[in-house]
């Protein structure tokens, strides 16, 4: 792991706006007839279309109100950013792909609306995923509520926590349902990256973190979220701690914690795995184990963020609140250890067949010996 030359951080706006704060993989801003490579700090304008290519991600920060994570193969048009009073009045249109939002409770004068195929999704403060595909649009709500107006039952409905809504203009109006197991996994794997709030007095100082990988198609995971391949660029509040994992088949994983104390550029070269490690990797590849590992890292990041938020208010909390916080921290850490133990058990079970791998290696060696002769 080595350092390098860092990019310059453009100044963040001092009021409500939408700014790209994270990119991984090729991301572009289509502005009129011009196509601009997107980097952290790019301030969006009304009419801009953000294009996220296959396997890439981008995150847009909405001042101090929330974040929107754009998944791979996504096109989103930003129609409006602020109202006449310069308050947040965001209106976007999802043309294709997926959006994951995490939004704080909005004031009455503020508004965030998403359009998709003539249906509007109004946000007041929530965490959700919306995916537009050829066969319709799916809304998955994890927290809060989303008001939907358009091609739904009775023309208007509310989708609450743990619910989903499928809208297809070629079929009957959409009806609110309980979230399916498949969509729960999609929601868990689509959480937003650490926010970079701005636009108010006392906004945190932004720190630029850039990670390049070798080989260039290695997957980059940030706090358990698979972000993209080859390159990750991010603006983070100074002091933020993230968990980074670099993975590629045929190479050893590289994992570490990074504290955003100052602008950082890292070039990370993975070490090729040995014959034994490659055989073990092929045997141990398991989607459930990967999800458990990612979920553990996400929960650890959420817990770390929660502790940081609470510590900033601890001066006013008093002794009783401090004791309660310690108790909850211990319970949360214990739960995380249980989840990690589940992953360890799976990993142990998946590698019990070492004798088989050894036989195969012996056979390979015999073949090589015969070839040498």
Protein backbone atom coordinates (compact mmCIF):
# COMPACT_ATOMS: atom_id res chain seq x y z
CA UNK A 1 0.00 0.00 0.00
CA UNK A 2 1.54 3.28 -1.09
CA UNK A 3 0.59 6.94 -1.28
CA UNK A 4 0.52 9.23 -4.31
CA UNK A 5 -0.51 12.62 -5.62
CA UNK A 6 -3.91 13.78 -4.33
CA UNK A 7 -6.65 15.61 -6.19
CA UNK A 8 -7.80 19.09 -5.19
CA UNK A 9 -11.03 19.43 -3.18
CA UNK A 10 -13.44 21.95 -4.70
CA UNK A 11 -15.18 24.16 -2.11
CA UNK A 12 -18.55 22.87 -0.92
CA UNK A 13 -21.62 25.15 -1.22
CA UNK A 14 -22.63 27.22 1.81
CA UNK A 15 -26.35 26.55 1.29
CA UNK A 16 -28.86 23.91 0.10
CA UNK A 17 -27.61 22.09 -2.98
CA UNK A 18 -26.76 18.63 -4.33
CA UNK A 19 -23.10 17.59 -4.55
CA UNK A 20 -21.48 14.32 -5.62
CA UNK A 21 -19.41 13.16 -2.63
CA UNK A 22 -18.49 9.54 -3.47
CA UNK A 23 -17.67 7.75 -6.72
CA UNK A 24 -16.42 4.25 -7.47
CA UNK A 25 -15.90 3.18 -11.06
CA UNK A 26 -16.82 5.29 -14.11
CA UNK A 27 -19.43 7.96 -13.28
CA UNK A 28 -20.41 10.90 -15.49
CA UNK A 29 -22.51 14.07 -15.43
CA UNK A 30 -24.41 14.75 -18.68
CA UNK A 31 -24.82 18.53 -18.83
CA UNK A 32 -26.54 19.58 -22.03
CA UNK A 33 -24.33 18.36 -24.88
CA UNK A 34 -21.31 17.93 -22.60
CA UNK A 35 -20.29 14.74 -20.75
CA UNK A 36 -18.19 15.40 -17.64
CA UNK A 37 -16.33 12.73 -15.64
CA UNK A 38 -17.75 12.98 -12.11
CA UNK A 39 -15.52 13.40 -9.08
CA UNK A 40 -16.24 14.22 -5.41
CA UNK A 41 -17.13 17.89 -5.02
CA UNK A 42 -19.01 18.17 -8.35
CA UNK A 43 -21.99 20.47 -7.74
CA UNK A 44 -25.07 19.45 -9.69
CA UNK A 45 -27.24 21.87 -11.66
CA UNK A 46 -30.91 21.70 -12.68
CA UNK A 47 -31.16 19.54 -15.81
CA UNK A 48 -28.02 17.49 -15.07
CA UNK A 49 -28.20 13.74 -15.60
CA UNK A 50 -25.92 11.56 -13.48
CA UNK A 51 -24.85 8.41 -15.31
CA UNK A 52 -23.46 5.53 -13.25
CA UNK A 53 -22.02 2.76 -15.40
CA UNK A 54 -22.31 -0.98 -14.79
CA UNK A 55 -20.59 -2.08 -11.57
CA UNK A 56 -20.02 1.52 -10.39
CA UNK A 57 -21.73 3.64 -7.69
CA UNK A 58 -22.05 7.33 -6.87
CA UNK A 59 -23.44 9.16 -3.86
CA UNK A 60 -25.03 12.61 -3.88
CA UNK A 61 -25.18 14.65 -0.67
CA UNK A 62 -28.26 16.85 -0.18
CA UNK A 63 -26.67 19.56 2.02
CA UNK A 64 -27.34 18.52 5.64
CA UNK A 65 -30.60 16.69 4.88
CA UNK A 66 -29.47 13.31 3.59
CA UNK A 67 -27.77 11.23 0.92
CA UNK A 68 -28.75 9.40 -2.26
CA UNK A 69 -26.72 6.39 -3.44
CA UNK A 70 -26.95 5.65 -7.18
CA UNK A 71 -26.29 2.02 -8.08
CA UNK A 72 -24.73 0.63 -11.25
CA UNK A 73 -26.47 1.05 -14.63
CA UNK A 74 -28.38 4.10 -13.35
CA UNK A 75 -29.50 7.34 -14.98
CA UNK A 76 -31.03 10.06 -12.78
CA UNK A 77 -32.10 13.52 -13.96
CA UNK A 78 -31.97 16.35 -11.40
CA UNK A 79 -34.89 18.54 -12.43
CA UNK A 80 -34.91 21.02 -9.53
CA UNK A 81 -32.67 21.68 -6.52
CA UNK A 82 -34.03 24.65 -4.56
CA UNK A 83 -37.19 26.75 -4.39
CA UNK A 84 -37.69 30.52 -4.66
CA UNK A 85 -36.84 30.87 -0.95
CA UNK A 86 -33.57 28.90 -1.50
CA UNK A 87 -34.83 26.06 0.70
CA UNK A 88 -34.27 22.47 -0.40
CA UNK A 89 -36.86 21.64 -3.07
CA UNK A 90 -35.34 18.64 -4.83
CA UNK A 91 -37.10 16.94 -7.71
CA UNK A 92 -35.42 14.08 -9.54
CA UNK A 93 -36.48 11.63 -12.23
CA UNK A 94 -35.10 8.11 -12.23
CA UNK A 95 -34.77 7.03 -15.86
CA UNK A 96 -33.36 3.59 -15.10
CA UNK A 97 -31.48 1.80 -12.33
CA UNK A 98 -31.62 2.19 -8.55
CA UNK A 99 -31.58 4.93 -5.90
CA UNK A 100 -31.04 4.42 -2.16
CA UNK A 101 -32.05 7.36 0.02
CA UNK A 102 -31.36 8.16 3.65
CA UNK A 103 -33.06 11.45 4.50
CA UNK A 104 -33.45 13.28 7.81
CA UNK A 105 -36.85 14.70 8.76
CA UNK A 106 -37.56 17.67 6.50
CA UNK A 107 -39.00 21.03 7.51
CA UNK A 108 -42.44 22.01 6.16
CA UNK A 109 -40.75 24.37 3.68
CA UNK A 110 -38.53 21.60 2.26
CA UNK A 111 -39.39 18.90 -0.26
CA UNK A 112 -37.83 15.88 -1.99
CA UNK A 113 -39.80 14.20 -4.78
CA UNK A 114 -38.76 11.39 -7.13
CA UNK A 115 -40.56 10.79 -10.43
CA UNK A 116 -40.72 7.46 -12.25
CA UNK A 117 -43.09 6.70 -15.15
CA UNK A 118 -45.64 9.33 -14.11
CA UNK A 119 -45.75 8.30 -10.45
CA UNK A 120 -44.38 10.58 -7.72
CA UNK A 121 -42.64 9.46 -4.53
CA UNK A 122 -42.60 12.18 -1.85
CA UNK A 123 -40.09 11.91 1.00
CA UNK A 124 -40.44 13.50 4.42
CA UNK A 125 -37.68 11.66 6.26
CA UNK A 126 -36.95 8.02 5.59
CA UNK A 127 -34.57 5.31 4.42
CA UNK A 128 -35.57 3.43 1.27
CA UNK A 129 -34.55 1.98 -2.09
CA UNK A 130 -36.29 2.61 -5.41
CA UNK A 131 -35.44 0.51 -8.48
CA UNK A 132 -36.74 1.20 -11.97
CA UNK A 133 -36.54 -1.69 -14.42
CA UNK A 134 -38.18 -2.66 -17.71
CA UNK A 135 -41.04 -4.43 -15.89
CA UNK A 136 -41.86 -1.59 -13.49
CA UNK A 137 -40.67 0.33 -10.44
CA UNK A 138 -40.14 -1.21 -6.99
CA UNK A 139 -40.12 0.88 -3.79
CA UNK A 140 -38.64 -0.75 -0.64
CA UNK A 141 -38.97 1.21 2.63
CA UNK A 142 -36.79 0.35 5.62
CA UNK A 143 -37.59 3.31 7.88
CA UNK A 144 -40.03 6.23 7.87
CA UNK A 145 -42.71 6.70 5.21
CA UNK A 146 -42.96 7.54 1.51
CA UNK A 147 -46.11 9.13 0.06
CA UNK A 148 -46.85 7.81 -3.44
CA UNK A 149 -49.15 9.59 -5.92
CA UNK A 150 -49.97 8.12 -9.32
CA UNK A 151 -50.56 4.60 -10.61
CA UNK A 152 -51.41 3.11 -7.21
CA UNK A 153 -54.60 1.93 -5.51
CA UNK A 154 -56.94 4.91 -4.90
CA UNK A 155 -54.43 7.18 -6.67
CA UNK A 156 -52.44 7.83 -3.50
CA UNK A 157 -50.92 5.68 -0.75
CA UNK A 158 -48.37 5.62 2.07
CA UNK A 159 -45.59 3.02 2.15
CA UNK A 160 -44.21 2.49 5.66
CA UNK A 161 -41.32 0.63 7.33
CA UNK A 162 -40.91 -3.00 6.22
CA UNK A 163 -43.22 -2.52 3.21
CA UNK A 164 -42.83 -2.48 -0.56
CA UNK A 165 -44.76 -1.24 -3.58
CA UNK A 166 -44.51 -2.44 -7.19
CA UNK A 167 -45.78 -0.04 -9.88
CA UNK A 168 -46.18 -1.09 -13.52
CA UNK A 169 -48.24 1.17 -15.76
CA UNK A 170 -49.10 -1.78 -18.00
CA UNK A 171 -50.77 -3.62 -15.11
CA UNK A 172 -53.24 -2.93 -12.29
CA UNK A 173 -52.48 -0.05 -9.85
CA UNK A 174 -49.79 -0.87 -7.31
CA UNK A 175 -50.74 -2.17 -3.85
CA UNK A 176 -48.63 -1.92 -0.68
CA UNK A 177 -47.25 -5.28 0.49
CA UNK A 178 -44.96 -6.61 3.20
CA UNK A 179 -41.30 -6.50 2.17
CA UNK A 180 -40.20 -9.80 0.58
CA UNK A 181 -37.09 -11.65 1.77
CA UNK A 182 -35.41 -10.94 -1.58
CA UNK A 183 -36.08 -7.20 -1.30
CA UNK A 184 -34.92 -7.17 2.32
CA UNK A 185 -31.54 -8.44 1.11
CA UNK A 186 -31.53 -5.78 -1.64
CA UNK A 187 -32.28 -3.09 0.95
CA UNK A 188 -29.53 -4.29 3.30
CA UNK A 189 -26.99 -4.34 0.45
CA UNK A 190 -27.93 -0.85 -0.78
CA UNK A 191 -27.37 1.31 2.28
CA UNK A 192 -25.75 4.70 1.73
CA UNK A 193 -22.09 5.48 2.41
CA UNK A 194 -20.99 7.85 5.23
CA UNK A 195 -22.60 11.29 4.66
CA UNK A 196 -20.66 14.53 4.06
CA UNK A 197 -23.08 17.24 5.30
CA UNK A 198 -22.48 20.86 4.32
CA UNK A 199 -24.23 24.20 3.93
CA UNK A 200 -24.57 25.31 7.58
CA UNK A 201 -22.48 27.02 10.26
CA UNK A 202 -20.18 24.48 11.87
CA UNK A 203 -20.21 22.05 8.92
CA UNK A 204 -17.49 19.39 9.32
CA UNK A 205 -14.23 19.83 7.45
CA UNK A 206 -14.17 17.65 4.28
CA UNK A 207 -11.30 15.22 3.77
CA UNK A 208 -10.59 13.63 0.38
CA UNK A 209 -9.88 9.87 0.39
CA UNK A 210 -8.87 8.14 -2.86
CA UNK A 211 -8.13 4.43 -3.24
CA UNK A 212 -6.74 2.78 -6.39
CA UNK A 213 -6.40 -0.99 -6.70
CA UNK A 214 -4.12 -3.32 -8.62
CA UNK A 215 -5.47 -5.30 -10.40
CA UNK A 216 -7.82 -2.60 -11.64
CA UNK A 217 -10.92 -4.84 -11.54
CA UNK A 218 -10.66 -5.64 -7.82
CA UNK A 219 -13.88 -5.05 -5.85
CA UNK A 220 -13.82 -2.29 -3.22
CA UNK A 221 -16.02 -2.66 -0.13
CA UNK A 222 -16.59 0.31 2.19
CA UNK A 223 -18.22 -0.53 5.54
CA UNK A 224 -19.48 -3.76 3.98
CA UNK A 225 -21.00 -2.08 0.90
CA UNK A 226 -19.63 -3.21 -2.47
CA UNK A 227 -18.97 0.11 -4.14
CA UNK A 228 -17.27 -0.66 -7.44
CA UNK A 229 -13.99 -1.73 -8.99
CA UNK A 230 -10.55 -0.23 -9.31
CA UNK A 231 -11.02 3.25 -7.87
CA UNK A 232 -12.89 4.82 -4.96
CA UNK A 233 -12.96 8.59 -4.36
CA UNK A 234 -14.78 10.12 -1.41
CA UNK A 235 -15.29 13.28 0.62
CA UNK A 236 -15.62 12.38 4.30
CA UNK A 237 -16.03 14.49 7.46
CA UNK A 238 -12.66 14.82 9.17
CA UNK A 239 -12.19 12.07 11.74
CA UNK A 240 -14.55 9.58 10.06
CA UNK A 241 -13.46 5.94 10.39
CA UNK A 242 -14.28 3.52 7.55
CA UNK A 243 -13.61 -0.18 7.06
CA UNK A 244 -12.08 -1.00 3.67
CA UNK A 245 -11.87 -4.43 2.07
CA UNK A 246 -10.34 -5.12 -1.38
CA UNK A 247 -11.25 -8.43 -3.03
CA UNK A 248 -10.60 -10.27 -6.26
CA UNK A 249 -10.76 -13.96 -7.11
CA UNK A 250 -7.27 -15.43 -7.25
CA UNK A 251 -5.80 -12.82 -4.87
CA UNK A 252 -5.64 -12.46 -1.10
CA UNK A 253 -8.16 -10.07 0.48
CA UNK A 254 -6.74 -6.82 1.85
CA UNK A 255 -8.73 -5.27 4.72
CA UNK A 256 -7.99 -2.31 6.99
CA UNK A 257 -9.54 0.60 8.90
CA UNK A 258 -8.92 4.12 7.66
CA UNK A 259 -9.35 7.32 9.68
CA UNK A 260 -9.95 10.38 7.51
CA UNK A 261 -7.63 12.74 9.39
CA UNK A 262 -6.13 14.32 6.25
CA UNK A 263 -6.37 14.03 2.47
CA UNK A 264 -5.22 10.54 1.51
CA UNK A 265 -4.37 8.72 -1.72
CA UNK A 266 -3.67 4.99 -1.48
CA UNK A 267 -2.46 2.59 -4.18
CA UNK A 268 -3.18 -0.97 -3.06
CA UNK A 269 -1.66 -3.96 -4.87
CA UNK A 270 -3.18 -7.34 -3.96
CA UNK A 271 -0.93 -10.36 -3.53
CA UNK A 272 -1.77 -13.37 -5.74
CA UNK A 273 -3.04 -16.31 -3.70
CA UNK A 274 -1.08 -19.57 -3.57
CA UNK A 275 -2.29 -22.87 -5.04
CA UNK A 276 -3.59 -23.95 -1.63
CA UNK A 277 -5.37 -20.62 -1.04
CA UNK A 278 -6.89 -20.66 -4.53
CA UNK A 279 -8.32 -24.14 -3.99
CA UNK A 280 -9.66 -23.13 -0.58
CA UNK A 281 -11.18 -19.99 -2.09
CA UNK A 282 -12.99 -21.99 -4.78
CA UNK A 283 -14.35 -24.35 -2.12
CA UNK A 284 -15.29 -21.66 0.36
CA UNK A 285 -17.09 -19.29 -2.02
CA UNK A 286 -20.51 -18.87 -0.42
CA UNK A 287 -23.00 -16.00 -0.90
CA UNK A 288 -24.37 -16.39 2.64
CA UNK A 289 -20.91 -16.08 4.16
CA UNK A 290 -20.20 -13.01 2.03
CA UNK A 291 -23.50 -11.42 3.12
CA UNK A 292 -22.74 -12.15 6.78
CA UNK A 293 -19.30 -10.57 6.48
CA UNK A 294 -20.72 -7.50 4.73
CA UNK A 295 -23.57 -7.23 7.25
CA UNK A 296 -21.10 -7.40 10.14
CA UNK A 297 -19.02 -4.57 8.65
CA UNK A 298 -22.13 -2.47 7.96
CA UNK A 299 -23.43 -2.92 11.50
CA UNK A 300 -20.03 -2.06 12.92
CA UNK A 301 -20.02 1.15 10.85
CA UNK A 302 -23.58 2.03 11.97
CA UNK A 303 -22.63 1.36 15.57
CA UNK A 304 -19.50 3.50 15.27
CA UNK A 305 -21.54 6.35 13.76
CA UNK A 306 -24.17 6.03 16.48
CA UNK A 307 -21.56 6.18 19.23
CA UNK A 308 -20.00 9.25 17.63
CA UNK A 309 -23.39 11.04 17.47
CA UNK A 310 -24.18 10.19 21.05
CA UNK A 311 -20.76 11.23 22.35
CA UNK A 312 -21.29 14.72 20.91
CA UNK A 313 -24.36 15.08 23.14
CA UNK A 314 -22.89 13.38 26.21
CA UNK A 315 -22.14 16.62 28.06
CA UNK A 316 -25.89 17.15 28.50
CA UNK A 317 -26.82 13.52 29.05
CA UNK A 318 -25.98 13.11 32.74
CA UNK A 319 -24.80 10.06 34.64
CA UNK A 320 -27.95 7.97 34.10
CA UNK A 321 -27.93 8.46 30.33
CA UNK A 322 -24.20 7.63 30.22
CA UNK A 323 -24.81 4.34 32.03
CA UNK A 324 -27.65 3.50 29.65
CA UNK A 325 -25.42 4.27 26.66
CA UNK A 326 -22.69 1.97 27.96
CA UNK A 327 -25.21 -0.82 28.47
CA UNK A 328 -26.57 -0.45 24.95
CA UNK A 329 -23.05 -0.32 23.50
CA UNK A 330 -22.19 -3.58 25.28
CA UNK A 331 -25.37 -5.25 24.02
CA UNK A 332 -24.75 -4.06 20.47
CA UNK A 333 -21.14 -5.24 20.51
CA UNK A 334 -22.25 -8.61 21.91
CA UNK A 335 -24.75 -8.94 19.05
CA UNK A 336 -22.06 -8.10 16.53
CA UNK A 337 -19.80 -10.78 18.02
CA UNK A 338 -22.64 -13.31 17.69
CA UNK A 339 -23.01 -12.40 14.00
CA UNK A 340 -19.25 -12.69 13.52
CA UNK A 341 -19.28 -16.09 15.27
CA UNK A 342 -21.96 -17.28 12.83
CA UNK A 343 -19.70 -16.28 9.97
CA UNK A 344 -16.74 -18.08 11.59
CA UNK A 345 -18.80 -21.27 11.95
CA UNK A 346 -19.79 -21.12 8.28
CA UNK A 347 -16.21 -20.52 7.27
CA UNK A 348 -15.07 -23.53 9.33
CA UNK A 349 -17.72 -25.78 7.80
CA UNK A 350 -16.79 -24.66 4.30
CA UNK A 351 -13.11 -25.55 4.76
CA UNK A 352 -13.57 -29.01 6.35
CA UNK A 353 -12.75 -30.71 3.06
CA UNK A 354 -9.03 -29.92 3.12
CA UNK A 355 -8.20 -33.60 2.61
CA UNK A 356 -9.98 -33.49 -0.77
CA UNK A 357 -8.05 -30.39 -1.76
CA UNK A 358 -4.79 -32.04 -0.68
CA UNK A 359 -5.50 -35.05 -2.91
CA UNK A 360 -6.15 -32.72 -5.82
CA UNK A 361 -2.91 -30.86 -5.14
CA UNK A 362 -1.01 -34.16 -4.99
CA UNK A 363 -2.53 -35.13 -8.34
CA UNK A 364 -1.50 -31.77 -9.83
CA UNK A 365 2.01 -32.32 -8.51
CA UNK A 366 2.16 -35.80 -10.02
CA UNK A 367 1.06 -34.41 -13.39
CA UNK A 368 3.71 -31.71 -13.16
CA UNK A 369 6.36 -34.34 -12.28
CA UNK A 370 5.35 -36.45 -15.26
CA UNK A 371 5.47 -33.38 -17.50
CA UNK A 372 8.94 -32.49 -16.21
CA UNK A 373 10.13 -36.06 -16.93
